[in-house]
Amino acid sequence: MNHKHRKTLHAVFAHPVSGNIALREVESVFKELGAEMEERHNSRFAVTLNGHTVLFHHAKHDLPKQEVQQIRKFLEDCDVVPERDYPL
């Protein structure tokens, strides 16, 4: 995982929740983690990682804070810990 992906991953887990994360950057992180992504209807896409699946909405701009929290929860459920697995 390159430095940009690591920075994005750490931004997802940052406190307070960031409202300045682009969806395409998070999608790149998902791909680097080995997630499978599938397009769904109504501007949604499914992400499957480590046996967990979640649906996200395609944001046209930066992700809303609620979606960043949903991504953080999904990654925690998948046992992704940035400090342990992908330090800066």
PDB file of N, CA and C in Angstrom:
ATOM      1  N   MET A   1       0.857  -1.175   0.000  1.00  0.00           N
ATOM      2  CA  MET A   1       0.000   0.000   0.000  1.00  0.00           C
ATOM      3  C   MET A   1       0.899   1.232   0.000  1.00  0.00           C
ATOM      4  N   ASN A   2       0.647   2.151  -0.942  1.00  0.00           N
ATOM      5  CA  ASN A   2       1.508   3.326  -1.014  1.00  0.00           C
ATOM      6  C   ASN A   2       1.116   4.371   0.035  1.00  0.00           C
ATOM      7  N   HIS A   3       1.915   5.425   0.106  1.00  0.00           N
ATOM      8  CA  HIS A   3       1.730   6.438   1.144  1.00  0.00           C
ATOM      9  C   HIS A   3       0.375   7.149   1.014  1.00  0.00           C
ATOM     10  N   LYS A   4      -0.060   7.423  -0.199  1.00  0.00           N
ATOM     11  CA  LYS A   4      -1.345   8.106  -0.399  1.00  0.00           C
ATOM     12  C   LYS A   4      -2.498   7.247   0.111  1.00  0.00           C
ATOM     13  N   HIS A   5      -2.444   5.945  -0.159  1.00  0.00           N
ATOM     14  CA  HIS A   5      -3.485   5.046   0.334  1.00  0.00           C
ATOM     15  C   HIS A   5      -3.475   5.006   1.863  1.00  0.00           C
ATOM     16  N   ARG A   6      -2.291   4.976   2.436  1.00  0.00           N
ATOM     17  CA  ARG A   6      -2.184   4.954   3.905  1.00  0.00           C
ATOM     18  C   ARG A   6      -2.761   6.233   4.514  1.00  0.00           C
ATOM     19  N   LYS A   7      -2.470   7.389   3.894  1.00  0.00           N
ATOM     20  CA  LYS A   7      -2.999   8.659   4.395  1.00  0.00           C
ATOM     21  C   LYS A   7      -4.521   8.672   4.336  1.00  0.00           C
ATOM     22  N   THR A   8      -5.078   8.150   3.254  1.00  0.00           N
ATOM     23  CA  THR A   8      -6.535   8.089   3.131  1.00  0.00           C
ATOM     24  C   THR A   8      -7.128   7.172   4.195  1.00  0.00           C
ATOM     25  N   LEU A   9      -6.516   6.021   4.402  1.00  0.00           N
ATOM     26  CA  LEU A   9      -6.992   5.079   5.415  1.00  0.00           C
ATOM     27  C   LEU A   9      -6.946   5.715   6.800  1.00  0.00           C
ATOM     28  N   HIS A  10      -5.878   6.405   7.113  1.00  0.00           N
ATOM     29  CA  HIS A  10      -5.771   7.071   8.420  1.00  0.00           C
ATOM     30  C   HIS A  10      -6.780   8.215   8.531  1.00  0.00           C
ATOM     31  N   ALA A  11      -7.083   8.897   7.421  1.00  0.00           N
ATOM     32  CA  ALA A  11      -8.076   9.972   7.445  1.00  0.00           C
ATOM     33  C   ALA A  11      -9.467   9.426   7.765  1.00  0.00           C
ATOM     34  N   VAL A  12      -9.776   8.223   7.290  1.00  0.00           N
ATOM     35  CA  VAL A  12     -11.067   7.596   7.586  1.00  0.00           C
ATOM     36  C   VAL A  12     -11.195   7.336   9.086  1.00  0.00           C
ATOM     37  N   PHE A  13     -10.090   7.004   9.734  1.00  0.00           N
ATOM     38  CA  PHE A  13     -10.107   6.682  11.163  1.00  0.00           C
ATOM     39  C   PHE A  13      -9.794   7.888  12.049  1.00  0.00           C
ATOM     40  N   ALA A  14      -9.603   9.064  11.469  1.00  0.00           N
ATOM     41  CA  ALA A  14      -9.223  10.260  12.237  1.00  0.00           C
ATOM     42  C   ALA A  14     -10.387  10.760  13.093  1.00  0.00           C
ATOM     43  N   HIS A  15     -10.035  11.386  14.205  1.00  0.00           N
ATOM     44  CA  HIS A  15     -11.012  12.045  15.085  1.00  0.00           C
ATOM     45  C   HIS A  15     -10.646  13.506  15.142  1.00  0.00           C
ATOM     46  N   PRO A  16     -11.546  14.437  14.918  1.00  0.00           N
ATOM     47  CA  PRO A  16     -12.945  14.249  14.555  1.00  0.00           C
ATOM     48  C   PRO A  16     -13.075  13.714  13.133  1.00  0.00           C
ATOM     49  N   VAL A  17     -14.271  13.273  12.795  1.00  0.00           N
ATOM     50  CA  VAL A  17     -14.527  12.678  11.485  1.00  0.00           C
ATOM     51  C   VAL A  17     -14.285  13.722  10.397  1.00  0.00           C
ATOM     52  N   SER A  18     -13.527  13.325   9.392  1.00  0.00           N
ATOM     53  CA  SER A  18     -13.207  14.222   8.287  1.00  0.00           C
ATOM     54  C   SER A  18     -14.351  14.278   7.283  1.00  0.00           C
ATOM     55  N   GLY A  19     -14.612  15.468   6.782  1.00  0.00           N
ATOM     56  CA  GLY A  19     -15.601  15.644   5.736  1.00  0.00           C
ATOM     57  C   GLY A  19     -14.940  15.987   4.416  1.00  0.00           C
ATOM     58  N   ASN A  20     -13.646  15.669   4.311  1.00  0.00           N
ATOM     59  CA  ASN A  20     -12.854  16.055   3.148  1.00  0.00           C
ATOM     60  C   ASN A  20     -12.156  14.845   2.532  1.00  0.00           C
ATOM     61  N   ILE A  21     -12.891  13.760   2.336  1.00  0.00           N
ATOM     62  CA  ILE A  21     -12.329  12.533   1.754  1.00  0.00           C
ATOM     63  C   ILE A  21     -13.117  12.215   0.490  1.00  0.00           C
ATOM     64  N   ALA A  22     -12.417  12.046  -0.612  1.00  0.00           N
ATOM     65  CA  ALA A  22     -13.072  11.734  -1.884  1.00  0.00           C
ATOM     66  C   ALA A  22     -13.373  10.238  -1.972  1.00  0.00           C
ATOM     67  N   LEU A  23     -14.513   9.902  -2.533  1.00  0.00           N
ATOM     68  CA  LEU A  23     -14.911   8.508  -2.674  1.00  0.00           C
ATOM     69  C   LEU A  23     -13.905   7.725  -3.506  1.00  0.00           C
ATOM     70  N   ARG A  24     -13.394   8.305  -4.567  1.00  0.00           N
ATOM     71  CA  ARG A  24     -12.452   7.578  -5.435  1.00  0.00           C
ATOM     72  C   ARG A  24     -11.189   7.180  -4.671  1.00  0.00           C
ATOM     73  N   GLU A  25     -10.774   8.004  -3.699  1.00  0.00           N
ATOM     74  CA  GLU A  25      -9.606   7.655  -2.875  1.00  0.00           C
ATOM     75  C   GLU A  25      -9.920   6.459  -1.983  1.00  0.00           C
ATOM     76  N   VAL A  26     -11.126   6.428  -1.418  1.00  0.00           N
ATOM     77  CA  VAL A  26     -11.534   5.306  -0.565  1.00  0.00           C
ATOM     78  C   VAL A  26     -11.681   4.037  -1.404  1.00  0.00           C
ATOM     79  N   GLU A  27     -12.209   4.170  -2.617  1.00  0.00           N
ATOM     80  CA  GLU A  27     -12.308   3.011  -3.500  1.00  0.00           C
ATOM     81  C   GLU A  27     -10.931   2.433  -3.793  1.00  0.00           C
ATOM     82  N   SER A  28      -9.935   3.287  -3.976  1.00  0.00           N
ATOM     83  CA  SER A  28      -8.561   2.814  -4.211  1.00  0.00           C
ATOM     84  C   SER A  28      -8.030   2.053  -3.009  1.00  0.00           C
ATOM     85  N   VAL A  29      -8.353   2.542  -1.812  1.00  0.00           N
ATOM     86  CA  VAL A  29      -7.923   1.849  -0.593  1.00  0.00           C
ATOM     87  C   VAL A  29      -8.599   0.478  -0.508  1.00  0.00           C
ATOM     88  N   PHE A  30      -9.902   0.433  -0.804  1.00  0.00           N
ATOM     89  CA  PHE A  30     -10.603  -0.852  -0.797  1.00  0.00           C
ATOM     90  C   PHE A  30      -9.919  -1.842  -1.739  1.00  0.00           C
ATOM     91  N   LYS A  31      -9.565  -1.393  -2.933  1.00  0.00           N
ATOM     92  CA  LYS A  31      -8.895  -2.270  -3.898  1.00  0.00           C
ATOM     93  C   LYS A  31      -7.553  -2.748  -3.367  1.00  0.00           C
ATOM     94  N   GLU A  32      -6.805  -1.861  -2.735  1.00  0.00           N
ATOM     95  CA  GLU A  32      -5.504  -2.228  -2.167  1.00  0.00           C
ATOM     96  C   GLU A  32      -5.648  -3.250  -1.045  1.00  0.00           C
ATOM     97  N   LEU A  33      -6.754  -3.176  -0.314  1.00  0.00           N
ATOM     98  CA  LEU A  33      -7.004  -4.126   0.775  1.00  0.00           C
ATOM     99  C   LEU A  33      -7.505  -5.474   0.255  1.00  0.00           C
ATOM    100  N   GLY A  34      -7.799  -5.546  -1.050  1.00  0.00           N
ATOM    101  CA  GLY A  34      -8.262  -6.799  -1.644  1.00  0.00           C
ATOM    102  C   GLY A  34      -9.765  -6.950  -1.673  1.00  0.00           C
ATOM    103  N   ALA A  35     -10.486  -5.859  -1.515  1.00  0.00           N
ATOM    104  CA  ALA A  35     -11.947  -5.921  -1.516  1.00  0.00           C
ATOM    105  C   ALA A  35     -12.485  -6.121  -2.924  1.00  0.00           C
ATOM    106  N   GLU A  36     -13.635  -6.776  -2.992  1.00  0.00           N
ATOM    107  CA  GLU A  36     -14.360  -6.921  -4.252  1.00  0.00           C
ATOM    108  C   GLU A  36     -15.448  -5.856  -4.270  1.00  0.00           C
ATOM    109  N   MET A  37     -15.537  -5.122  -5.382  1.00  0.00           N
ATOM    110  CA  MET A  37     -16.542  -4.071  -5.496  1.00  0.00           C
ATOM    111  C   MET A  37     -17.458  -4.376  -6.670  1.00  0.00           C
ATOM    112  N   GLU A  38     -18.756  -4.165  -6.450  1.00  0.00           N
ATOM    113  CA  GLU A  38     -19.755  -4.483  -7.462  1.00  0.00           C
ATOM    114  C   GLU A  38     -20.743  -3.320  -7.579  1.00  0.00           C
ATOM    115  N   GLU A  39     -20.976  -2.868  -8.798  1.00  0.00           N
ATOM    116  CA  GLU A  39     -21.956  -1.812  -9.045  1.00  0.00           C
ATOM    117  C   GLU A  39     -23.363  -2.352  -8.793  1.00  0.00           C
ATOM    118  N   ARG A  40     -24.189  -1.557  -8.164  1.00  0.00           N
ATOM    119  CA  ARG A  40     -25.594  -1.894  -7.929  1.00  0.00           C
ATOM    120  C   ARG A  40     -26.460  -0.793  -8.535  1.00  0.00           C
ATOM    121  N   HIS A  41     -27.751  -0.931  -8.443  1.00  0.00           N
ATOM    122  CA  HIS A  41     -28.645   0.085  -8.985  1.00  0.00           C
ATOM    123  C   HIS A  41     -28.791   1.269  -8.028  1.00  0.00           C
ATOM    124  N   ASN A  42     -29.376   2.363  -8.532  1.00  0.00           N
ATOM    125  CA  ASN A  42     -29.616   3.582  -7.750  1.00  0.00           C
ATOM    126  C   ASN A  42     -28.335   4.201  -7.197  1.00  0.00           C
ATOM    127  N   SER A  43     -27.288   4.240  -8.011  1.00  0.00           N
ATOM    128  CA  SER A  43     -26.013   4.878  -7.635  1.00  0.00           C
ATOM    129  C   SER A  43     -25.395   4.268  -6.385  1.00  0.00           C
ATOM    130  N   ARG A  44     -25.522   2.983  -6.245  1.00  0.00           N
ATOM    131  CA  ARG A  44     -24.931   2.287  -5.095  1.00  0.00           C
ATOM    132  C   ARG A  44     -23.910   1.276  -5.588  1.00  0.00           C
ATOM    133  N   PHE A  45     -22.995   0.908  -4.685  1.00  0.00           N
ATOM    134  CA  PHE A  45     -22.053  -0.156  -4.980  1.00  0.00           C
ATOM    135  C   PHE A  45     -21.799  -0.958  -3.720  1.00  0.00           C
ATOM    136  N   ALA A  46     -21.552  -2.245  -3.903  1.00  0.00           N
ATOM    137  CA  ALA A  46     -21.311  -3.159  -2.791  1.00  0.00           C
ATOM    138  C   ALA A  46     -19.819  -3.406  -2.664  1.00  0.00           C
ATOM    139  N   VAL A  47     -19.353  -3.453  -1.427  1.00  0.00           N
ATOM    140  CA  VAL A  47     -17.955  -3.761  -1.141  1.00  0.00           C
ATOM    141  C   VAL A  47     -17.930  -4.985  -0.248  1.00  0.00           C
ATOM    142  N   THR A  48     -17.141  -5.987  -0.643  1.00  0.00           N
ATOM    143  CA  THR A  48     -16.990  -7.201   0.151  1.00  0.00           C
ATOM    144  C   THR A  48     -15.522  -7.349   0.520  1.00  0.00           C
ATOM    145  N   LEU A  49     -15.272  -7.487   1.821  1.00  0.00           N
ATOM    146  CA  LEU A  49     -13.910  -7.628   2.331  1.00  0.00           C
ATOM    147  C   LEU A  49     -13.947  -8.550   3.544  1.00  0.00           C
ATOM    148  N   ASN A  50     -13.109  -9.566   3.539  1.00  0.00           N
ATOM    149  CA  ASN A  50     -12.999 -10.502   4.672  1.00  0.00           C
ATOM    150  C   ASN A  50     -14.354 -11.068   5.104  1.00  0.00           C
ATOM    151  N   GLY A  51     -15.203 -11.366   4.132  1.00  0.00           N
ATOM    152  CA  GLY A  51     -16.495 -11.974   4.441  1.00  0.00           C
ATOM    153  C   GLY A  51     -17.575 -10.996   4.847  1.00  0.00           C
ATOM    154  N   HIS A  52     -17.301  -9.709   4.880  1.00  0.00           N
ATOM    155  CA  HIS A  52     -18.277  -8.686   5.237  1.00  0.00           C
ATOM    156  C   HIS A  52     -18.644  -7.905   3.979  1.00  0.00           C
ATOM    157  N   THR A  53     -19.924  -7.598   3.827  1.00  0.00           N
ATOM    158  CA  THR A  53     -20.395  -6.835   2.673  1.00  0.00           C
ATOM    159  C   THR A  53     -21.205  -5.644   3.155  1.00  0.00           C
ATOM    160  N   VAL A  54     -21.020  -4.514   2.484  1.00  0.00           N
ATOM    161  CA  VAL A  54     -21.767  -3.301   2.815  1.00  0.00           C
ATOM    162  C   VAL A  54     -22.052  -2.547   1.521  1.00  0.00           C
ATOM    163  N   LEU A  55     -23.170  -1.797   1.523  1.00  0.00           N
ATOM    164  CA  LEU A  55     -23.545  -0.974   0.376  1.00  0.00           C
ATOM    165  C   LEU A  55     -23.213   0.481   0.664  1.00  0.00           C
ATOM    166  N   PHE A  56     -22.660   1.171  -0.326  1.00  0.00           N
ATOM    167  CA  PHE A  56     -22.358   2.590  -0.220  1.00  0.00           C
ATOM    168  C   PHE A  56     -23.007   3.320  -1.385  1.00  0.00           C
ATOM    169  N   HIS A  57     -23.249   4.594  -1.204  1.00  0.00           N
ATOM    170  CA  HIS A  57     -23.812   5.449  -2.239  1.00  0.00           C
ATOM    171  C   HIS A  57     -22.665   6.163  -2.948  1.00  0.00           C
ATOM    172  N   HIS A  58     -22.753   6.282  -4.275  1.00  0.00           N
ATOM    173  CA  HIS A  58     -21.741   7.011  -5.037  1.00  0.00           C
ATOM    174  C   HIS A  58     -21.899   8.501  -4.755  1.00  0.00           C
ATOM    175  N   ALA A  59     -20.944   9.076  -4.065  1.00  0.00           N
ATOM    176  CA  ALA A  59     -20.953  10.515  -3.787  1.00  0.00           C
ATOM    177  C   ALA A  59     -20.314  11.242  -4.964  1.00  0.00           C
ATOM    178  N   LYS A  60     -20.912  12.347  -5.361  1.00  0.00           N
ATOM    179  CA  LYS A  60     -20.363  13.107  -6.479  1.00  0.00           C
ATOM    180  C   LYS A  60     -19.158  13.930  -6.045  1.00  0.00           C
ATOM    181  N   HIS A  61     -19.099  14.292  -4.784  1.00  0.00           N
ATOM    182  CA  HIS A  61     -18.009  15.093  -4.257  1.00  0.00           C
ATOM    183  C   HIS A  61     -17.409  14.359  -3.057  1.00  0.00           C
ATOM    184  N   ASP A  62     -16.969  15.100  -2.067  1.00  0.00           N
ATOM    185  CA  ASP A  62     -16.421  14.475  -0.870  1.00  0.00           C
ATOM    186  C   ASP A  62     -17.507  13.702  -0.130  1.00  0.00           C
ATOM    187  N   LEU A  63     -17.076  12.687   0.603  1.00  0.00           N
ATOM    188  CA  LEU A  63     -18.015  11.848   1.348  1.00  0.00           C
ATOM    189  C   LEU A  63     -18.613  12.611   2.523  1.00  0.00           C
ATOM    190  N   PRO A  64     -19.904  12.425   2.775  1.00  0.00           N
ATOM    191  CA  PRO A  64     -20.500  13.000   3.983  1.00  0.00           C
ATOM    192  C   PRO A  64     -19.923  12.300   5.223  1.00  0.00           C
ATOM    193  N   LYS A  65     -19.951  12.998   6.330  1.00  0.00           N
ATOM    194  CA  LYS A  65     -19.361  12.456   7.560  1.00  0.00           C
ATOM    195  C   LYS A  65     -20.015  11.143   7.987  1.00  0.00           C
ATOM    196  N   GLN A  66     -21.337  11.019   7.765  1.00  0.00           N
ATOM    197  CA  GLN A  66     -22.007   9.769   8.143  1.00  0.00           C
ATOM    198  C   GLN A  66     -21.471   8.595   7.332  1.00  0.00           C
ATOM    199  N   GLU A  67     -21.162   8.828   6.072  1.00  0.00           N
ATOM    200  CA  GLU A  67     -20.651   7.743   5.241  1.00  0.00           C
ATOM    201  C   GLU A  67     -19.216   7.394   5.632  1.00  0.00           C
ATOM    202  N   VAL A  68     -18.439   8.393   6.032  1.00  0.00           N
ATOM    203  CA  VAL A  68     -17.087   8.124   6.520  1.00  0.00           C
ATOM    204  C   VAL A  68     -17.167   7.253   7.769  1.00  0.00           C
ATOM    205  N   GLN A  69     -18.114   7.551   8.656  1.00  0.00           N
ATOM    206  CA  GLN A  69     -18.300   6.722   9.853  1.00  0.00           C
ATOM    207  C   GLN A  69     -18.723   5.308   9.487  1.00  0.00           C
ATOM    208  N   GLN A  70     -19.567   5.164   8.465  1.00  0.00           N
ATOM    209  CA  GLN A  70     -19.992   3.837   8.008  1.00  0.00           C
ATOM    210  C   GLN A  70     -18.803   3.064   7.442  1.00  0.00           C
ATOM    211  N   ILE A  71     -17.942   3.745   6.703  1.00  0.00           N
ATOM    212  CA  ILE A  71     -16.745   3.102   6.151  1.00  0.00           C
ATOM    213  C   ILE A  71     -15.820   2.674   7.279  1.00  0.00           C
ATOM    214  N   ARG A  72     -15.641   3.537   8.271  1.00  0.00           N
ATOM    215  CA  ARG A  72     -14.798   3.203   9.430  1.00  0.00           C
ATOM    216  C   ARG A  72     -15.329   1.968  10.140  1.00  0.00           C
ATOM    217  N   LYS A  73     -16.634   1.919  10.378  1.00  0.00           N
ATOM    218  CA  LYS A  73     -17.251   0.769  11.059  1.00  0.00           C
ATOM    219  C   LYS A  73     -17.056  -0.504  10.241  1.00  0.00           C
ATOM    220  N   PHE A  74     -17.248  -0.404   8.921  1.00  0.00           N
ATOM    221  CA  PHE A  74     -17.056  -1.550   8.034  1.00  0.00           C
ATOM    222  C   PHE A  74     -15.623  -2.060   8.118  1.00  0.00           C
ATOM    223  N   LEU A  75     -14.650  -1.160   8.066  1.00  0.00           N
ATOM    224  CA  LEU A  75     -13.242  -1.569   8.135  1.00  0.00           C
ATOM    225  C   LEU A  75     -12.897  -2.165   9.500  1.00  0.00           C
ATOM    226  N   GLU A  76     -13.475  -1.615  10.567  1.00  0.00           N
ATOM    227  CA  GLU A  76     -13.258  -2.191  11.902  1.00  0.00           C
ATOM    228  C   GLU A  76     -13.819  -3.611  11.954  1.00  0.00           C
ATOM    229  N   ASP A  77     -15.010  -3.819  11.391  1.00  0.00           N
ATOM    230  CA  ASP A  77     -15.608  -5.149  11.355  1.00  0.00           C
ATOM    231  C   ASP A  77     -14.754  -6.130  10.564  1.00  0.00           C
ATOM    232  N   CYS A  78     -14.022  -5.609   9.571  1.00  0.00           N
ATOM    233  CA  CYS A  78     -13.135  -6.438   8.740  1.00  0.00           C
ATOM    234  C   CYS A  78     -11.753  -6.594   9.365  1.00  0.00           C
ATOM    235  N   ASP A  79     -11.581  -6.095  10.591  1.00  0.00           N
ATOM    236  CA  ASP A  79     -10.327  -6.195  11.344  1.00  0.00           C
ATOM    237  C   ASP A  79      -9.172  -5.455  10.656  1.00  0.00           C
ATOM    238  N   VAL A  80      -9.471  -4.279  10.121  1.00  0.00           N
ATOM    239  CA  VAL A  80      -8.437  -3.415   9.557  1.00  0.00           C
ATOM    240  C   VAL A  80      -8.111  -2.360  10.607  1.00  0.00           C
ATOM    241  N   VAL A  81      -6.856  -2.335  11.050  1.00  0.00           N
ATOM    242  CA  VAL A  81      -6.392  -1.368  12.039  1.00  0.00           C
ATOM    243  C   VAL A  81      -5.219  -0.609  11.421  1.00  0.00           C
ATOM    244  N   PRO A  82      -5.429   0.652  11.029  1.00  0.00           N
ATOM    245  CA  PRO A  82      -4.377   1.391  10.325  1.00  0.00           C
ATOM    246  C   PRO A  82      -3.071   1.507  11.109  1.00  0.00           C
ATOM    247  N   GLU A  83      -3.165   1.781  12.400  1.00  0.00           N
ATOM    248  CA  GLU A  83      -1.947   1.955  13.199  1.00  0.00           C
ATOM    249  C   GLU A  83      -1.126   0.666  13.261  1.00  0.00           C
ATOM    250  N   ARG A  84      -1.817  -0.447  13.319  1.00  0.00           N
ATOM    251  CA  ARG A  84      -1.139  -1.745  13.421  1.00  0.00           C
ATOM    252  C   ARG A  84      -0.702  -2.257  12.051  1.00  0.00           C
ATOM    253  N   ASP A  85      -1.602  -2.210  11.090  1.00  0.00           N
ATOM    254  CA  ASP A  85      -1.353  -2.844   9.787  1.00  0.00           C
ATOM    255  C   ASP A  85      -0.668  -1.936   8.773  1.00  0.00           C
ATOM    256  N   TYR A  86      -0.972  -0.630   8.817  1.00  0.00           N
ATOM    257  CA  TYR A  86      -0.477   0.291   7.787  1.00  0.00           C
ATOM    258  C   TYR A  86      -0.018   1.602   8.420  1.00  0.00           C
ATOM    259  N   PRO A  87       1.056   1.579   9.197  1.00  0.00           N
ATOM    260  CA  PRO A  87       1.523   2.823   9.834  1.00  0.00           C
ATOM    261  C   PRO A  87       2.009   3.816   8.782  1.00  0.00           C
ATOM    262  N   LEU A  88       1.914   5.102   9.121  1.00  0.00           N
ATOM    263  CA  LEU A  88       2.376   6.150   8.207  1.00  0.00           C
ATOM    264  C   LEU A  88       3.876   6.231   8.158  1.00  0.00           C
TER     265      LEU A  88
END
